[in-house]
């Protein structure tokens, strides 16, 4: 954090002009000239002159250390891995519900065994069959949509051959789900079983997007276990606040949190 304090002190201690800040960073705090110039070149001289000390400080700190990057670094450094979270810290919330079976159903035992295989896949948070898969079981794809949000189609970017992206022109809002992949690799333009909270199920085709900032969505082909993405359910009307998706029809919805209920 020393560079941030250097910048803070250079502006708050004796701020007269941007030239004063430049000299303090170069001479007293030993910043490299290239880094200082690159930071200040984002603003015109007129803009810099019109800024007060606190406003300038906030603007420059966003460049030196963006909040999004700070949060991402903190999560990667301090939070448990998705696998550790599923096995220890959130073992109940990140587990699937027990299947609802009927006493007169002869296939209960078979369903229970295959459901346990799906449960193990979620607990191990495996991407491929070679990871922590001592039973050589097929890796089942499981993902959970924790909430839905509506977005304008103009926020959905189109991939192009160049490095730039264009937006879509579809009319009407698009319903997206914030999705965490719990096991396997979730693939776009594929059909999966969708399970509502009360274990009602149907099949639906999905499309996947990378969440970029507050609004932008970039189409992606696949998302591996442990990652979060946006998901669009194609050609299907549904009335659930949450959904659990799986490549196996023997899966059940995510158990989730109780939020203090007994």
C-alpha atoms as a PDB file:
ATOM      1  CA  UNK A   1       0.000   0.000   0.000  1.00  0.00           C
ATOM      2  CA  UNK A   2       3.019   2.315   0.136  1.00  0.00           C
ATOM      3  CA  UNK A   3       2.516   3.735  -3.402  1.00  0.00           C
ATOM      4  CA  UNK A   4      -1.067   4.620  -2.506  1.00  0.00           C
ATOM      5  CA  UNK A   5       0.029   6.465   0.630  1.00  0.00           C
ATOM      6  CA  UNK A   6       2.712   8.260  -1.376  1.00  0.00           C
ATOM      7  CA  UNK A   7       0.099   9.504  -3.795  1.00  0.00           C
ATOM      8  CA  UNK A   8      -2.249  10.434  -0.952  1.00  0.00           C
ATOM      9  CA  UNK A   9       0.434  12.418   0.873  1.00  0.00           C
ATOM     10  CA  UNK A  10       1.634  14.144  -2.302  1.00  0.00           C
ATOM     11  CA  UNK A  11      -1.832  15.565  -2.921  1.00  0.00           C
ATOM     12  CA  UNK A  12      -3.167  16.181   0.591  1.00  0.00           C
ATOM     13  CA  UNK A  13      -0.014  17.570   2.220  1.00  0.00           C
ATOM     14  CA  UNK A  14       0.780  20.511  -0.022  1.00  0.00           C
ATOM     15  CA  UNK A  15      -1.372  20.541  -3.141  1.00  0.00           C
ATOM     16  CA  UNK A  16      -0.910  23.662  -5.253  1.00  0.00           C
ATOM     17  CA  UNK A  17      -0.892  22.281  -8.765  1.00  0.00           C
ATOM     18  CA  UNK A  18      -0.422  19.071 -10.686  1.00  0.00           C
ATOM     19  CA  UNK A  19       3.212  20.046 -11.229  1.00  0.00           C
ATOM     20  CA  UNK A  20       3.734  20.025  -7.467  1.00  0.00           C
ATOM     21  CA  UNK A  21       2.282  16.511  -7.262  1.00  0.00           C
ATOM     22  CA  UNK A  22       4.514  15.354 -10.102  1.00  0.00           C
ATOM     23  CA  UNK A  23       7.646  16.705  -8.393  1.00  0.00           C
ATOM     24  CA  UNK A  24       6.758  15.117  -5.045  1.00  0.00           C
ATOM     25  CA  UNK A  25       6.165  11.709  -6.610  1.00  0.00           C
ATOM     26  CA  UNK A  26       9.399  11.858  -8.623  1.00  0.00           C
ATOM     27  CA  UNK A  27      11.757  13.415  -6.096  1.00  0.00           C
ATOM     28  CA  UNK A  28      10.501  12.504  -2.615  1.00  0.00           C
ATOM     29  CA  UNK A  29       8.703   9.208  -3.251  1.00  0.00           C
ATOM     30  CA  UNK A  30      10.986   7.898  -6.025  1.00  0.00           C
ATOM     31  CA  UNK A  31       8.269   7.053  -8.513  1.00  0.00           C
ATOM     32  CA  UNK A  32       9.433   6.280 -12.029  1.00  0.00           C
ATOM     33  CA  UNK A  33       8.825   9.116 -14.490  1.00  0.00           C
ATOM     34  CA  UNK A  34       7.199   6.747 -16.980  1.00  0.00           C
ATOM     35  CA  UNK A  35       4.597   5.610 -14.432  1.00  0.00           C
ATOM     36  CA  UNK A  36       3.784   9.174 -13.367  1.00  0.00           C
ATOM     37  CA  UNK A  37       3.390  10.398 -16.942  1.00  0.00           C
ATOM     38  CA  UNK A  38       1.271   7.409 -17.919  1.00  0.00           C
ATOM     39  CA  UNK A  39      -1.078   8.071 -14.994  1.00  0.00           C
ATOM     40  CA  UNK A  40      -1.440  11.801 -15.695  1.00  0.00           C
ATOM     41  CA  UNK A  41      -1.774  11.486 -19.480  1.00  0.00           C
ATOM     42  CA  UNK A  42      -5.317  10.172 -19.018  1.00  0.00           C
ATOM     43  CA  UNK A  43      -6.399  13.723 -18.213  1.00  0.00           C
ATOM     44  CA  UNK A  44      -5.969  16.925 -20.168  1.00  0.00           C
ATOM     45  CA  UNK A  45      -4.075  19.804 -18.576  1.00  0.00           C
ATOM     46  CA  UNK A  46      -7.325  21.794 -18.397  1.00  0.00           C
ATOM     47  CA  UNK A  47      -9.097  18.998 -16.536  1.00  0.00           C
ATOM     48  CA  UNK A  48      -6.246  18.571 -14.077  1.00  0.00           C
ATOM     49  CA  UNK A  49      -6.087  22.295 -13.380  1.00  0.00           C
ATOM     50  CA  UNK A  50      -9.814  22.462 -12.646  1.00  0.00           C
ATOM     51  CA  UNK A  51      -9.731  19.588 -10.145  1.00  0.00           C
ATOM     52  CA  UNK A  52      -9.502  20.217  -6.439  1.00  0.00           C
ATOM     53  CA  UNK A  53      -7.150  18.131  -4.312  1.00  0.00           C
ATOM     54  CA  UNK A  54      -9.697  15.576  -3.058  1.00  0.00           C
ATOM     55  CA  UNK A  55     -11.277  15.120  -6.496  1.00  0.00           C
ATOM     56  CA  UNK A  56      -7.868  14.636  -8.095  1.00  0.00           C
ATOM     57  CA  UNK A  57      -6.881  12.136  -5.414  1.00  0.00           C
ATOM     58  CA  UNK A  58      -9.983  10.013  -5.978  1.00  0.00           C
ATOM     59  CA  UNK A  59      -9.503  10.042  -9.746  1.00  0.00           C
ATOM     60  CA  UNK A  60      -5.846   9.072  -9.605  1.00  0.00           C
ATOM     61  CA  UNK A  61      -6.413   6.344  -7.028  1.00  0.00           C
ATOM     62  CA  UNK A  62      -8.965   4.722  -9.348  1.00  0.00           C
ATOM     63  CA  UNK A  63      -6.242   4.502 -11.987  1.00  0.00           C
ATOM     64  CA  UNK A  64      -3.447   3.282  -9.701  1.00  0.00           C
ATOM     65  CA  UNK A  65      -5.598   0.744  -7.843  1.00  0.00           C
ATOM     66  CA  UNK A  66      -9.083   0.142  -9.258  1.00  0.00           C
ATOM     67  CA  UNK A  67     -11.640  -1.102  -6.716  1.00  0.00           C
ATOM     68  CA  UNK A  68     -12.593  -4.096  -8.859  1.00  0.00           C
ATOM     69  CA  UNK A  69      -8.982  -5.291  -8.922  1.00  0.00           C
ATOM     70  CA  UNK A  70      -8.616  -4.792  -5.169  1.00  0.00           C
ATOM     71  CA  UNK A  71     -11.741  -6.858  -4.439  1.00  0.00           C
ATOM     72  CA  UNK A  72     -10.645  -9.624  -6.828  1.00  0.00           C
ATOM     73  CA  UNK A  73      -7.167  -9.788  -5.268  1.00  0.00           C
ATOM     74  CA  UNK A  74      -8.650  -9.891  -1.755  1.00  0.00           C
ATOM     75  CA  UNK A  75     -11.047 -12.704  -2.681  1.00  0.00           C
ATOM     76  CA  UNK A  76      -8.265 -14.769  -4.282  1.00  0.00           C
ATOM     77  CA  UNK A  77      -5.920 -14.227  -1.328  1.00  0.00           C
ATOM     78  CA  UNK A  78      -8.252 -14.560   1.662  1.00  0.00           C
ATOM     79  CA  UNK A  79     -11.279 -16.606   0.620  1.00  0.00           C
ATOM     80  CA  UNK A  80     -11.227 -20.418   0.406  1.00  0.00           C
ATOM     81  CA  UNK A  81     -11.082 -22.191  -2.923  1.00  0.00           C
ATOM     82  CA  UNK A  82     -14.437 -23.354  -4.365  1.00  0.00           C
ATOM     83  CA  UNK A  83     -13.529 -26.940  -3.470  1.00  0.00           C
ATOM     84  CA  UNK A  84     -12.686 -26.096   0.161  1.00  0.00           C
ATOM     85  CA  UNK A  85     -15.877 -24.059   0.458  1.00  0.00           C
ATOM     86  CA  UNK A  86     -17.999 -26.948  -0.821  1.00  0.00           C
ATOM     87  CA  UNK A  87     -16.362 -29.496   1.465  1.00  0.00           C
ATOM     88  CA  UNK A  88     -15.918 -27.577   4.715  1.00  0.00           C
ATOM     89  CA  UNK A  89     -17.202 -24.015   5.119  1.00  0.00           C
ATOM     90  CA  UNK A  90     -20.431 -24.331   3.093  1.00  0.00           C
ATOM     91  CA  UNK A  91     -20.857 -28.082   3.052  1.00  0.00           C
ATOM     92  CA  UNK A  92     -24.603 -27.849   3.754  1.00  0.00           C
ATOM     93  CA  UNK A  93     -25.497 -24.826   1.632  1.00  0.00           C
ATOM     94  CA  UNK A  94     -23.518 -26.129  -1.360  1.00  0.00           C
ATOM     95  CA  UNK A  95     -25.059 -29.586  -1.145  1.00  0.00           C
ATOM     96  CA  UNK A  96     -28.051 -30.875  -3.080  1.00  0.00           C
ATOM     97  CA  UNK A  97     -31.420 -31.670  -1.546  1.00  0.00           C
ATOM     98  CA  UNK A  98     -32.275 -35.237  -0.688  1.00  0.00           C
ATOM     99  CA  UNK A  99     -34.373 -36.715  -3.503  1.00  0.00           C
ATOM    100  CA  UNK A 100     -38.102 -37.093  -2.989  1.00  0.00           C
ATOM    101  CA  UNK A 101     -38.898 -40.769  -3.508  1.00  0.00           C
ATOM    102  CA  UNK A 102     -42.094 -42.798  -3.511  1.00  0.00           C
ATOM    103  CA  UNK A 103     -42.535 -45.917  -1.383  1.00  0.00           C
ATOM    104  CA  UNK A 104     -44.027 -47.899  -4.257  1.00  0.00           C
ATOM    105  CA  UNK A 105     -41.239 -47.049  -6.697  1.00  0.00           C
ATOM    106  CA  UNK A 106     -38.862 -49.974  -7.362  1.00  0.00           C
ATOM    107  CA  UNK A 107     -36.241 -47.644  -8.864  1.00  0.00           C
ATOM    108  CA  UNK A 108     -35.649 -45.722  -5.635  1.00  0.00           C
ATOM    109  CA  UNK A 109     -32.347 -47.466  -4.855  1.00  0.00           C
ATOM    110  CA  UNK A 110     -30.968 -46.863  -8.330  1.00  0.00           C
ATOM    111  CA  UNK A 111     -32.018 -43.224  -8.257  1.00  0.00           C
ATOM    112  CA  UNK A 112     -30.467 -42.783  -4.810  1.00  0.00           C
ATOM    113  CA  UNK A 113     -27.101 -44.192  -5.948  1.00  0.00           C
ATOM    114  CA  UNK A 114     -26.959 -41.975  -9.018  1.00  0.00           C
ATOM    115  CA  UNK A 115     -27.997 -38.957  -6.975  1.00  0.00           C
ATOM    116  CA  UNK A 116     -25.147 -39.666  -4.537  1.00  0.00           C
ATOM    117  CA  UNK A 117     -22.744 -39.627  -7.500  1.00  0.00           C
ATOM    118  CA  UNK A 118     -23.999 -36.149  -8.411  1.00  0.00           C
ATOM    119  CA  UNK A 119     -23.625 -35.076  -4.771  1.00  0.00           C
ATOM    120  CA  UNK A 120     -19.985 -36.203  -4.756  1.00  0.00           C
ATOM    121  CA  UNK A 121     -19.305 -34.292  -7.965  1.00  0.00           C
ATOM    122  CA  UNK A 122     -20.600 -31.079  -6.360  1.00  0.00           C
ATOM    123  CA  UNK A 123     -18.610 -31.693  -3.176  1.00  0.00           C
ATOM    124  CA  UNK A 124     -15.342 -32.255  -5.084  1.00  0.00           C
ATOM    125  CA  UNK A 125     -15.953 -29.317  -7.454  1.00  0.00           C
ATOM    126  CA  UNK A 126     -14.096 -31.201 -10.197  1.00  0.00           C
ATOM    127  CA  UNK A 127     -13.630 -29.852 -13.708  1.00  0.00           C
ATOM    128  CA  UNK A 128     -12.220 -33.014 -15.295  1.00  0.00           C
ATOM    129  CA  UNK A 129     -12.437 -36.724 -14.502  1.00  0.00           C
ATOM    130  CA  UNK A 130      -8.801 -36.775 -13.369  1.00  0.00           C
ATOM    131  CA  UNK A 131      -9.328 -34.434 -10.405  1.00  0.00           C
ATOM    132  CA  UNK A 132     -10.070 -35.979  -7.005  1.00  0.00           C
ATOM    133  CA  UNK A 133     -12.157 -38.660  -8.681  1.00  0.00           C
ATOM    134  CA  UNK A 134     -11.053 -41.859  -6.995  1.00  0.00           C
ATOM    135  CA  UNK A 135     -14.055 -43.839  -8.230  1.00  0.00           C
ATOM    136  CA  UNK A 136     -13.433 -42.959 -11.897  1.00  0.00           C
ATOM    137  CA  UNK A 137     -16.964 -41.629 -12.113  1.00  0.00           C
ATOM    138  CA  UNK A 138     -18.175 -39.503 -14.977  1.00  0.00           C
ATOM    139  CA  UNK A 139     -18.039 -35.824 -14.057  1.00  0.00           C
ATOM    140  CA  UNK A 140     -21.608 -34.546 -13.905  1.00  0.00           C
ATOM    141  CA  UNK A 141     -22.205 -30.907 -14.794  1.00  0.00           C
ATOM    142  CA  UNK A 142     -24.031 -29.022 -12.039  1.00  0.00           C
ATOM    143  CA  UNK A 143     -24.677 -25.277 -11.805  1.00  0.00           C
ATOM    144  CA  UNK A 144     -26.933 -23.087  -9.679  1.00  0.00           C
ATOM    145  CA  UNK A 145     -28.719 -19.847 -10.562  1.00  0.00           C
ATOM    146  CA  UNK A 146     -29.019 -17.806  -7.363  1.00  0.00           C
ATOM    147  CA  UNK A 147     -31.019 -14.913  -8.869  1.00  0.00           C
ATOM    148  CA  UNK A 148     -32.320 -13.508 -12.143  1.00  0.00           C
ATOM    149  CA  UNK A 149     -32.023 -10.023 -13.576  1.00  0.00           C
ATOM    150  CA  UNK A 150     -33.374  -8.285 -16.665  1.00  0.00           C
ATOM    151  CA  UNK A 151     -30.983  -6.541 -19.036  1.00  0.00           C
ATOM    152  CA  UNK A 152     -31.231  -4.571 -22.231  1.00  0.00           C
ATOM    153  CA  UNK A 153     -30.000  -6.456 -25.339  1.00  0.00           C
ATOM    154  CA  UNK A 154     -27.649  -3.570 -26.097  1.00  0.00           C
ATOM    155  CA  UNK A 155     -25.585  -4.668 -23.074  1.00  0.00           C
ATOM    156  CA  UNK A 156     -24.846  -8.018 -24.740  1.00  0.00           C
ATOM    157  CA  UNK A 157     -21.650  -7.765 -26.741  1.00  0.00           C
ATOM    158  CA  UNK A 158     -20.977  -9.725 -29.899  1.00  0.00           C
ATOM    159  CA  UNK A 159     -17.644 -11.393 -30.482  1.00  0.00           C
ATOM    160  CA  UNK A 160     -15.972 -10.311 -33.699  1.00  0.00           C
ATOM    161  CA  UNK A 161     -12.796 -11.285 -35.530  1.00  0.00           C
ATOM    162  CA  UNK A 162     -11.102  -8.100 -34.327  1.00  0.00           C
ATOM    163  CA  UNK A 163     -10.274  -7.233 -30.733  1.00  0.00           C
ATOM    164  CA  UNK A 164     -13.288  -4.909 -30.470  1.00  0.00           C
ATOM    165  CA  UNK A 165     -16.831  -6.051 -29.752  1.00  0.00           C
ATOM    166  CA  UNK A 166     -20.198  -4.914 -31.071  1.00  0.00           C
ATOM    167  CA  UNK A 167     -23.581  -4.957 -29.345  1.00  0.00           C
ATOM    168  CA  UNK A 168     -26.700  -6.883 -30.260  1.00  0.00           C
ATOM    169  CA  UNK A 169     -29.813  -5.224 -31.667  1.00  0.00           C
ATOM    170  CA  UNK A 170     -32.518  -7.587 -30.381  1.00  0.00           C
ATOM    171  CA  UNK A 171     -35.663  -5.831 -29.139  1.00  0.00           C
ATOM    172  CA  UNK A 172     -37.077  -6.470 -25.666  1.00  0.00           C
ATOM    173  CA  UNK A 173     -35.275  -7.155 -22.416  1.00  0.00           C
ATOM    174  CA  UNK A 174     -33.410 -10.425 -21.820  1.00  0.00           C
ATOM    175  CA  UNK A 175     -33.686 -12.390 -18.569  1.00  0.00           C
ATOM    176  CA  UNK A 176     -30.327 -13.528 -17.215  1.00  0.00           C
ATOM    177  CA  UNK A 177     -29.403 -15.679 -14.246  1.00  0.00           C
ATOM    178  CA  UNK A 178     -26.327 -15.174 -12.057  1.00  0.00           C
ATOM    179  CA  UNK A 179     -24.882 -18.671 -12.110  1.00  0.00           C
ATOM    180  CA  UNK A 180     -22.170 -20.523 -10.195  1.00  0.00           C
ATOM    181  CA  UNK A 181     -20.807 -23.692 -11.781  1.00  0.00           C
ATOM    182  CA  UNK A 182     -20.470 -26.331  -9.060  1.00  0.00           C
ATOM    183  CA  UNK A 183     -19.106 -29.264 -11.065  1.00  0.00           C
ATOM    184  CA  UNK A 184     -17.837 -30.062 -14.556  1.00  0.00           C
ATOM    185  CA  UNK A 185     -17.815 -27.616 -17.447  1.00  0.00           C
ATOM    186  CA  UNK A 186     -21.040 -25.814 -18.360  1.00  0.00           C
ATOM    187  CA  UNK A 187     -21.302 -25.331 -22.133  1.00  0.00           C
ATOM    188  CA  UNK A 188     -23.254 -22.771 -24.106  1.00  0.00           C
ATOM    189  CA  UNK A 189     -25.920 -23.830 -26.642  1.00  0.00           C
ATOM    190  CA  UNK A 190     -26.424 -27.158 -24.855  1.00  0.00           C
ATOM    191  CA  UNK A 191     -29.527 -28.544 -23.140  1.00  0.00           C
ATOM    192  CA  UNK A 192     -29.560 -29.288 -19.403  1.00  0.00           C
ATOM    193  CA  UNK A 193     -32.067 -30.504 -16.853  1.00  0.00           C
ATOM    194  CA  UNK A 194     -33.416 -27.587 -14.816  1.00  0.00           C
ATOM    195  CA  UNK A 195     -34.643 -28.212 -11.263  1.00  0.00           C
ATOM    196  CA  UNK A 196     -36.849 -25.796  -9.359  1.00  0.00           C
ATOM    197  CA  UNK A 197     -36.756 -25.510  -5.539  1.00  0.00           C
ATOM    198  CA  UNK A 198     -39.488 -28.158  -5.206  1.00  0.00           C
ATOM    199  CA  UNK A 199     -37.645 -30.602  -7.501  1.00  0.00           C
ATOM    200  CA  UNK A 200     -39.822 -29.915 -10.528  1.00  0.00           C
ATOM    201  CA  UNK A 201     -37.703 -30.390 -13.639  1.00  0.00           C
ATOM    202  CA  UNK A 202     -37.615 -29.795 -17.397  1.00  0.00           C
ATOM    203  CA  UNK A 203     -34.985 -29.572 -20.136  1.00  0.00           C
ATOM    204  CA  UNK A 204     -33.870 -26.271 -21.627  1.00  0.00           C
ATOM    205  CA  UNK A 205     -31.130 -24.937 -23.870  1.00  0.00           C
ATOM    206  CA  UNK A 206     -28.855 -22.272 -22.404  1.00  0.00           C
ATOM    207  CA  UNK A 207     -26.446 -19.535 -23.462  1.00  0.00           C
ATOM    208  CA  UNK A 208     -23.530 -18.347 -21.330  1.00  0.00           C
ATOM    209  CA  UNK A 209     -22.047 -14.880 -20.856  1.00  0.00           C
ATOM    210  CA  UNK A 210     -19.107 -13.355 -19.050  1.00  0.00           C
ATOM    211  CA  UNK A 211     -20.168 -10.650 -16.581  1.00  0.00           C
ATOM    212  CA  UNK A 212     -18.198  -7.492 -17.353  1.00  0.00           C
ATOM    213  CA  UNK A 213     -18.672  -4.578 -14.964  1.00  0.00           C
ATOM    214  CA  UNK A 214     -22.180  -3.433 -14.104  1.00  0.00           C
ATOM    215  CA  UNK A 215     -23.901  -4.067 -17.419  1.00  0.00           C
ATOM    216  CA  UNK A 216     -21.838  -5.584 -20.241  1.00  0.00           C
ATOM    217  CA  UNK A 217     -22.173  -9.282 -21.079  1.00  0.00           C
ATOM    218  CA  UNK A 218     -19.786 -11.112 -23.406  1.00  0.00           C
ATOM    219  CA  UNK A 219     -20.835 -14.499 -24.906  1.00  0.00           C
ATOM    220  CA  UNK A 220     -18.570 -17.417 -23.946  1.00  0.00           C
ATOM    221  CA  UNK A 221     -18.540 -21.037 -25.088  1.00  0.00           C
ATOM    222  CA  UNK A 222     -18.025 -22.683 -21.684  1.00  0.00           C
ATOM    223  CA  UNK A 223     -17.489 -22.019 -17.964  1.00  0.00           C
ATOM    224  CA  UNK A 224     -15.628 -24.476 -15.673  1.00  0.00           C
ATOM    225  CA  UNK A 225     -16.460 -25.376 -12.080  1.00  0.00           C
ATOM    226  CA  UNK A 226     -15.699 -22.733  -9.468  1.00  0.00           C
ATOM    227  CA  UNK A 227     -16.561 -19.775 -11.713  1.00  0.00           C
ATOM    228  CA  UNK A 228     -19.524 -17.392 -11.900  1.00  0.00           C
ATOM    229  CA  UNK A 229     -21.227 -16.342 -15.127  1.00  0.00           C
ATOM    230  CA  UNK A 230     -24.506 -15.051 -16.548  1.00  0.00           C
ATOM    231  CA  UNK A 231     -26.875 -17.585 -18.090  1.00  0.00           C
ATOM    232  CA  UNK A 232     -29.800 -17.184 -20.448  1.00  0.00           C
ATOM    233  CA  UNK A 233     -32.426 -19.919 -20.707  1.00  0.00           C
ATOM    234  CA  UNK A 234     -33.609 -20.130 -24.311  1.00  0.00           C
ATOM    235  CA  UNK A 235     -37.176 -20.746 -25.459  1.00  0.00           C
ATOM    236  CA  UNK A 236     -38.564 -21.572 -22.034  1.00  0.00           C
ATOM    237  CA  UNK A 237     -40.982 -19.876 -19.683  1.00  0.00           C
ATOM    238  CA  UNK A 238     -40.297 -20.516 -15.996  1.00  0.00           C
ATOM    239  CA  UNK A 239     -41.499 -19.129 -12.687  1.00  0.00           C
ATOM    240  CA  UNK A 240     -38.708 -19.882 -10.217  1.00  0.00           C
ATOM    241  CA  UNK A 241     -36.529 -17.478  -8.260  1.00  0.00           C
ATOM    242  CA  UNK A 242     -33.660 -19.986  -8.315  1.00  0.00           C
ATOM    243  CA  UNK A 243     -32.754 -22.953 -10.504  1.00  0.00           C
ATOM    244  CA  UNK A 244     -30.255 -25.797 -10.396  1.00  0.00           C
ATOM    245  CA  UNK A 245     -29.013 -27.123 -13.738  1.00  0.00           C
ATOM    246  CA  UNK A 246     -27.418 -30.497 -14.383  1.00  0.00           C
ATOM    247  CA  UNK A 247     -26.416 -32.822 -17.191  1.00  0.00           C
ATOM    248  CA  UNK A 248     -27.914 -35.659 -15.125  1.00  0.00           C
ATOM    249  CA  UNK A 249     -31.613 -36.232 -14.633  1.00  0.00           C
ATOM    250  CA  UNK A 250     -30.754 -37.748 -11.240  1.00  0.00           C
ATOM    251  CA  UNK A 251     -29.718 -34.404  -9.763  1.00  0.00           C
ATOM    252  CA  UNK A 252     -31.776 -32.407  -7.270  1.00  0.00           C
ATOM    253  CA  UNK A 253     -31.925 -28.666  -6.454  1.00  0.00           C
ATOM    254  CA  UNK A 254     -29.246 -26.984  -4.387  1.00  0.00           C
ATOM    255  CA  UNK A 255     -30.049 -26.958  -0.673  1.00  0.00           C
ATOM    256  CA  UNK A 256     -29.018 -23.325  -0.182  1.00  0.00           C
ATOM    257  CA  UNK A 257     -29.081 -21.253   3.000  1.00  0.00           C
ATOM    258  CA  UNK A 258     -31.662 -21.304   5.774  1.00  0.00           C
ATOM    259  CA  UNK A 259     -31.059 -17.651   6.755  1.00  0.00           C
ATOM    260  CA  UNK A 260     -31.618 -18.391  10.431  1.00  0.00           C
ATOM    261  CA  UNK A 261     -34.864 -20.375  10.065  1.00  0.00           C
ATOM    262  CA  UNK A 262     -35.320 -23.357  12.375  1.00  0.00           C
END
